[in-house]
Amino acid sequence: MDYTDLISSIIFDPAGAAHVTVPEDWMQGRTTYGGLTAALSLKAALPLAGDRPIRSAQVAFVGPSSGELVSVPTLLREGKNTAFISVRMTGAEGVVAECIFAFGAARDSALDFSYMKAPEVTAPDETPAFFSDDRRRPAFSRHFNVRLARGGPPLSGATSGEIALWLRHKDMQAPMDAVSVLALADTPPPAAMSMLSQPAKISSMTWMAEFLTDRITTQDGWFLAQHIAQTARQGYSSQAMRLWNAKGEPVMVGRQTIAVFG
């Protein structure tokens, strides 16, 4: 099932809870792909946000999720310009994700700057594919085009935990909005995996994302992501994440905590 059909299959019940069944091709091992979990949670929150754009997302991946999932949004606080909404996602085994989303209307400000410059990399059509079709890969990854512009692939024993990748939905009908970007941005495996030389299980624990614009646009669906593993200690890795559109305009920044079993 492609992204557009999956999002369109969400059913809101009279109480406002969002129901969806995640197919096997969106799985990452025994759990739903984390970016989709975050995107489905955000989709559930939107009816309570009014016309305010998303400004930040905080997602805790509490447990493995699969099959039928229910996301229940709760309006925590609403002001003239902002709204805070929590979303609890549950599955057959209980709570699988807990999220807090902050929404905020644009306002005039004396401050207008950005020091977030995109790295210099080759264009998408000049960049090799990240995933090889002849090697094992997560099921969900087949819904995305991913090209490695900088750094090493997973398990390559790289000396640096930095990767830069071009990302795009294969479903070119996917809407250009915050939900689709959130679904896309978590596609790459943790940057620290490039430094490993032997297979090891990994699991995302938390993900924080901040949207830097309410006008999400790009060329041919491509976004440039940079992930940097800043620490890896005692079985946990912390990484910084940044995302630009094809013109090099900032779209998102984030942080992620990953458990590394090996």
Protein backbone atom coordinates (compact mmCIF):
# COMPACT_ATOMS: atom_id res chain seq x y z
CA MET A 1 0.00 0.00 0.00
CA ASP A 2 1.51 3.34 -0.99
CA TYR A 3 1.71 6.32 1.33
CA THR A 4 -1.26 8.22 -0.07
CA ASP A 5 -3.58 5.21 0.17
CA LEU A 6 -2.41 4.44 3.70
CA ILE A 7 -3.04 7.97 4.97
CA SER A 8 -6.40 8.01 3.20
CA SER A 9 -7.39 4.79 4.99
CA ILE A 10 -7.36 6.48 8.43
CA ILE A 11 -10.83 6.50 10.00
CA PHE A 12 -11.76 9.01 12.70
CA ASP A 13 -14.40 7.77 15.14
CA PRO A 14 -17.02 10.09 16.72
CA ALA A 15 -14.72 10.69 19.72
CA GLY A 16 -11.89 11.92 17.48
CA ALA A 17 -9.62 8.86 17.73
CA ALA A 18 -7.84 7.85 14.51
CA HIS A 19 -7.92 4.18 13.49
CA VAL A 20 -5.61 2.61 10.91
CA THR A 21 -4.26 -0.84 10.07
CA VAL A 22 -0.59 -0.84 9.09
CA PRO A 23 0.27 -3.38 6.34
CA GLU A 24 3.36 -5.58 6.41
CA ASP A 25 5.17 -3.51 3.78
CA TRP A 26 5.42 -0.61 6.25
CA MET A 27 7.14 -2.66 8.94
CA GLN A 28 10.67 -2.26 10.30
CA GLY A 29 11.39 -5.65 11.79
CA ARG A 30 8.56 -6.39 14.22
CA THR A 31 7.37 -2.80 14.55
CA THR A 32 5.87 -0.12 12.34
CA TYR A 33 8.49 2.14 10.78
CA GLY A 34 9.11 4.98 13.27
CA GLY A 35 8.59 7.81 10.79
CA LEU A 36 5.16 6.43 9.93
CA THR A 37 4.28 6.08 13.62
CA ALA A 38 5.10 9.77 14.11
CA ALA A 39 3.23 10.78 10.96
CA LEU A 40 0.08 8.85 11.91
CA SER A 41 0.16 10.47 15.35
CA LEU A 42 0.50 13.93 13.83
CA LYS A 43 -2.39 13.22 11.46
CA ALA A 44 -4.55 12.35 14.48
CA ALA A 45 -3.65 15.67 16.16
CA LEU A 46 -4.40 17.96 13.21
CA PRO A 47 -8.20 18.25 13.69
CA LEU A 48 -7.59 19.82 17.11
CA ALA A 49 -4.95 22.26 15.85
CA GLY A 50 -7.21 24.42 13.71
CA ASP A 51 -5.25 26.16 10.97
CA ARG A 52 -2.05 26.42 13.03
CA PRO A 53 1.03 24.81 11.43
CA ILE A 54 3.13 22.28 13.32
CA ARG A 55 6.22 23.74 15.01
CA SER A 56 7.61 20.80 17.00
CA ALA A 57 7.05 17.11 17.61
CA GLN A 58 8.27 15.00 20.51
CA VAL A 59 7.80 11.28 20.02
CA ALA A 60 8.54 8.42 22.43
CA PHE A 61 8.54 4.98 20.83
CA VAL A 62 7.25 3.07 23.84
CA GLY A 63 6.83 -0.39 22.33
CA PRO A 64 6.57 -2.33 19.07
CA SER A 65 3.51 -1.48 16.99
CA SER A 66 1.77 -3.45 14.26
CA GLY A 67 -1.63 -4.23 12.83
CA GLU A 68 -4.54 -2.08 13.95
CA LEU A 69 -3.43 1.10 15.72
CA VAL A 70 -5.54 3.70 17.50
CA SER A 71 -4.31 7.26 18.08
CA VAL A 72 -6.17 9.34 20.66
CA PRO A 73 -5.47 13.11 20.59
CA THR A 74 -5.95 15.37 23.62
CA LEU A 75 -5.89 19.16 23.55
CA LEU A 76 -3.62 20.15 26.44
CA ARG A 77 -3.81 23.91 26.01
CA GLU A 78 -4.99 26.34 23.37
CA GLY A 79 -4.21 30.02 23.08
CA LYS A 80 -4.74 32.65 20.42
CA ASN A 81 -1.72 31.57 18.38
CA THR A 82 -0.60 28.23 19.81
CA ALA A 83 -1.92 24.83 20.75
CA PHE A 84 -0.35 21.87 22.53
CA ILE A 85 -1.77 18.45 21.69
CA SER A 86 -0.78 15.05 23.05
CA VAL A 87 -1.41 11.82 21.15
CA ARG A 88 -1.32 8.35 22.65
CA MET A 89 -1.10 5.50 20.14
CA THR A 90 -2.12 2.02 21.24
CA GLY A 91 -2.06 -1.40 19.64
CA ALA A 92 -2.99 -4.92 20.63
CA GLU A 93 -0.33 -4.98 23.38
CA GLY A 94 -1.04 -1.55 24.88
CA VAL A 95 0.67 1.82 24.45
CA VAL A 96 3.14 1.89 21.56
CA ALA A 97 3.86 5.64 21.24
CA GLU A 98 3.35 8.85 23.20
CA CYS A 99 3.63 12.21 21.44
CA ILE A 100 3.37 15.91 22.17
CA PHE A 101 2.91 18.32 19.28
CA ALA A 102 3.21 22.11 19.45
CA PHE A 103 1.38 24.17 16.84
CA GLY A 104 1.84 27.89 16.31
CA ALA A 105 0.53 30.51 13.90
CA ALA A 106 3.09 32.69 12.11
CA ARG A 107 3.66 36.13 13.60
CA ASP A 108 5.66 39.24 12.75
CA SER A 109 9.09 39.36 14.36
CA ALA A 110 12.17 41.57 14.30
CA LEU A 111 14.28 38.40 14.04
CA ASP A 112 14.59 36.61 10.71
CA PHE A 113 17.78 34.62 10.14
CA SER A 114 19.19 31.12 9.65
CA TYR A 115 22.71 29.78 10.13
CA MET A 116 21.69 26.35 8.85
CA LYS A 117 23.59 25.94 5.59
CA ALA A 118 23.11 22.74 3.62
CA PRO A 119 26.24 20.64 2.96
CA GLU A 120 27.64 20.71 -0.56
CA VAL A 121 26.73 17.41 -2.21
CA THR A 122 26.03 16.02 -5.65
CA ALA A 123 22.55 16.42 -7.16
CA PRO A 124 20.07 13.56 -6.60
CA ASP A 125 20.42 12.18 -10.15
CA GLU A 126 24.22 12.14 -9.73
CA THR A 127 24.13 10.34 -6.35
CA PRO A 128 24.20 6.54 -5.92
CA ALA A 129 21.34 4.65 -4.30
CA PHE A 130 21.66 4.01 -0.56
CA PHE A 131 19.74 0.72 -0.51
CA SER A 132 20.75 -2.08 -2.83
CA ASP A 133 17.94 -4.21 -4.23
CA ASP A 134 20.06 -7.35 -3.99
CA ARG A 135 20.66 -7.12 -0.24
CA ARG A 136 18.40 -7.40 2.79
CA ARG A 137 16.62 -4.17 3.66
CA PRO A 138 13.69 -3.11 5.89
CA ALA A 139 10.29 -3.61 4.27
CA PHE A 140 9.24 0.04 4.72
CA SER A 141 12.34 1.33 2.89
CA ARG A 142 10.92 0.22 -0.45
CA HIS A 143 8.45 3.12 -0.22
CA PHE A 144 11.28 5.67 -0.46
CA ASN A 145 14.06 6.70 -2.82
CA VAL A 146 17.24 7.19 -0.77
CA ARG A 147 20.61 8.21 -2.19
CA LEU A 148 23.87 8.43 -0.25
CA ALA A 149 25.60 11.77 -0.83
CA ARG A 150 28.14 11.64 2.01
CA GLY A 151 29.41 9.10 4.52
CA GLY A 152 29.41 5.34 4.60
CA PRO A 153 26.60 2.80 4.37
CA PRO A 154 25.62 0.75 7.45
CA LEU A 155 28.20 -1.74 8.74
CA SER A 156 30.96 -0.22 6.60
CA GLY A 157 33.30 0.51 9.53
CA ALA A 158 33.36 4.22 8.68
CA THR A 159 35.53 6.46 10.84
CA SER A 160 32.85 9.16 11.00
CA GLY A 161 29.24 8.92 12.14
CA GLU A 162 27.98 11.49 9.65
CA ILE A 163 25.82 10.76 6.64
CA ALA A 164 24.04 12.98 4.13
CA LEU A 165 21.27 11.58 1.99
CA TRP A 166 18.74 12.65 -0.59
CA LEU A 167 15.25 11.42 0.39
CA ARG A 168 12.01 11.20 -1.57
CA HIS A 169 8.69 9.37 -1.37
CA LYS A 170 8.32 6.88 -4.23
CA ASP A 171 4.64 7.77 -4.12
CA MET A 172 4.85 11.01 -6.09
CA GLN A 173 1.22 11.74 -5.21
CA ALA A 174 2.17 12.15 -1.54
CA PRO A 175 1.05 15.64 -0.43
CA MET A 176 3.74 18.21 0.29
CA ASP A 177 2.90 18.73 3.96
CA ALA A 178 4.30 18.24 7.46
CA VAL A 179 2.79 14.75 7.81
CA SER A 180 4.53 13.44 4.68
CA VAL A 181 7.83 15.10 5.67
CA LEU A 182 7.68 13.52 9.13
CA ALA A 183 7.05 10.15 7.47
CA LEU A 184 10.06 10.69 5.21
CA ALA A 185 12.64 12.20 7.56
CA ASP A 186 13.22 9.08 9.68
CA THR A 187 14.00 6.84 6.69
CA PRO A 188 17.81 6.54 7.11
CA PRO A 189 19.18 4.11 9.70
CA PRO A 190 21.05 5.72 12.62
CA ALA A 191 24.27 7.37 11.51
CA ALA A 192 26.23 5.38 14.11
CA MET A 193 25.48 2.20 12.16
CA SER A 194 27.96 3.37 9.51
CA MET A 195 30.74 2.97 12.10
CA LEU A 196 29.82 -0.64 12.91
CA SER A 197 31.52 -3.49 11.09
CA GLN A 198 29.23 -6.27 12.30
CA PRO A 199 25.42 -6.49 12.41
CA ALA A 200 23.71 -5.20 15.57
CA LYS A 201 20.08 -4.65 16.47
CA ILE A 202 18.99 -1.03 16.93
CA SER A 203 15.79 0.57 18.21
CA SER A 204 14.67 4.21 18.18
CA MET A 205 13.63 5.36 21.65
CA THR A 206 12.78 9.03 21.21
CA TRP A 207 12.62 11.51 18.35
CA MET A 208 12.29 15.28 18.57
CA ALA A 209 11.67 17.31 15.42
CA GLU A 210 11.25 21.06 14.96
CA PHE A 211 9.71 22.44 11.77
CA LEU A 212 11.44 25.60 10.57
CA THR A 213 8.84 26.65 8.03
CA ASP A 214 5.11 26.36 7.43
CA ARG A 215 5.65 26.50 3.65
CA ILE A 216 6.95 23.07 2.71
CA THR A 217 8.05 22.99 -0.92
CA THR A 218 10.82 21.32 -2.88
CA GLN A 219 11.77 20.25 -6.39
CA ASP A 220 10.82 16.78 -7.69
CA GLY A 221 10.01 15.64 -4.14
CA TRP A 222 13.66 15.57 -2.98
CA PHE A 223 14.86 16.60 0.50
CA LEU A 224 18.45 16.56 1.76
CA ALA A 225 19.03 15.03 5.20
CA GLN A 226 22.14 15.17 7.37
CA HIS A 227 22.44 12.85 10.38
CA ILE A 228 25.39 13.09 12.79
CA ALA A 229 26.02 10.56 15.57
CA GLN A 230 27.36 12.76 18.36
CA THR A 231 27.77 10.14 21.07
CA ALA A 232 27.60 6.36 21.38
CA ARG A 233 28.04 5.10 24.93
CA GLN A 234 26.70 2.34 27.17
CA GLY A 235 24.46 0.96 24.45
CA TYR A 236 22.82 4.26 23.44
CA SER A 237 23.56 6.69 20.64
CA SER A 238 22.43 10.33 20.38
CA GLN A 239 22.28 11.94 16.96
CA ALA A 240 21.48 15.33 15.49
CA MET A 241 19.35 15.55 12.36
CA ARG A 242 18.83 18.35 9.83
CA LEU A 243 16.67 18.56 6.70
CA TRP A 244 16.63 20.97 3.75
CA ASN A 245 14.59 21.17 0.57
CA ALA A 246 16.23 20.82 -2.84
CA LYS A 247 17.06 24.56 -2.88
CA GLY A 248 18.95 24.31 0.41
CA GLU A 249 16.22 26.01 2.43
CA PRO A 250 15.90 24.73 6.04
CA VAL A 251 12.86 22.56 6.72
CA MET A 252 13.51 20.68 9.96
CA VAL A 253 15.99 19.99 12.75
CA GLY A 254 15.81 17.12 15.18
CA ARG A 255 17.41 14.85 17.73
CA GLN A 256 17.08 11.12 18.23
CA THR A 257 18.02 8.64 20.94
CA ILE A 258 18.76 5.12 19.73
CA ALA A 259 19.34 1.91 21.66
CA VAL A 260 22.18 -0.17 20.18
CA PHE A 261 22.19 -3.86 21.07
CA GLY A 262 25.72 -4.78 20.15
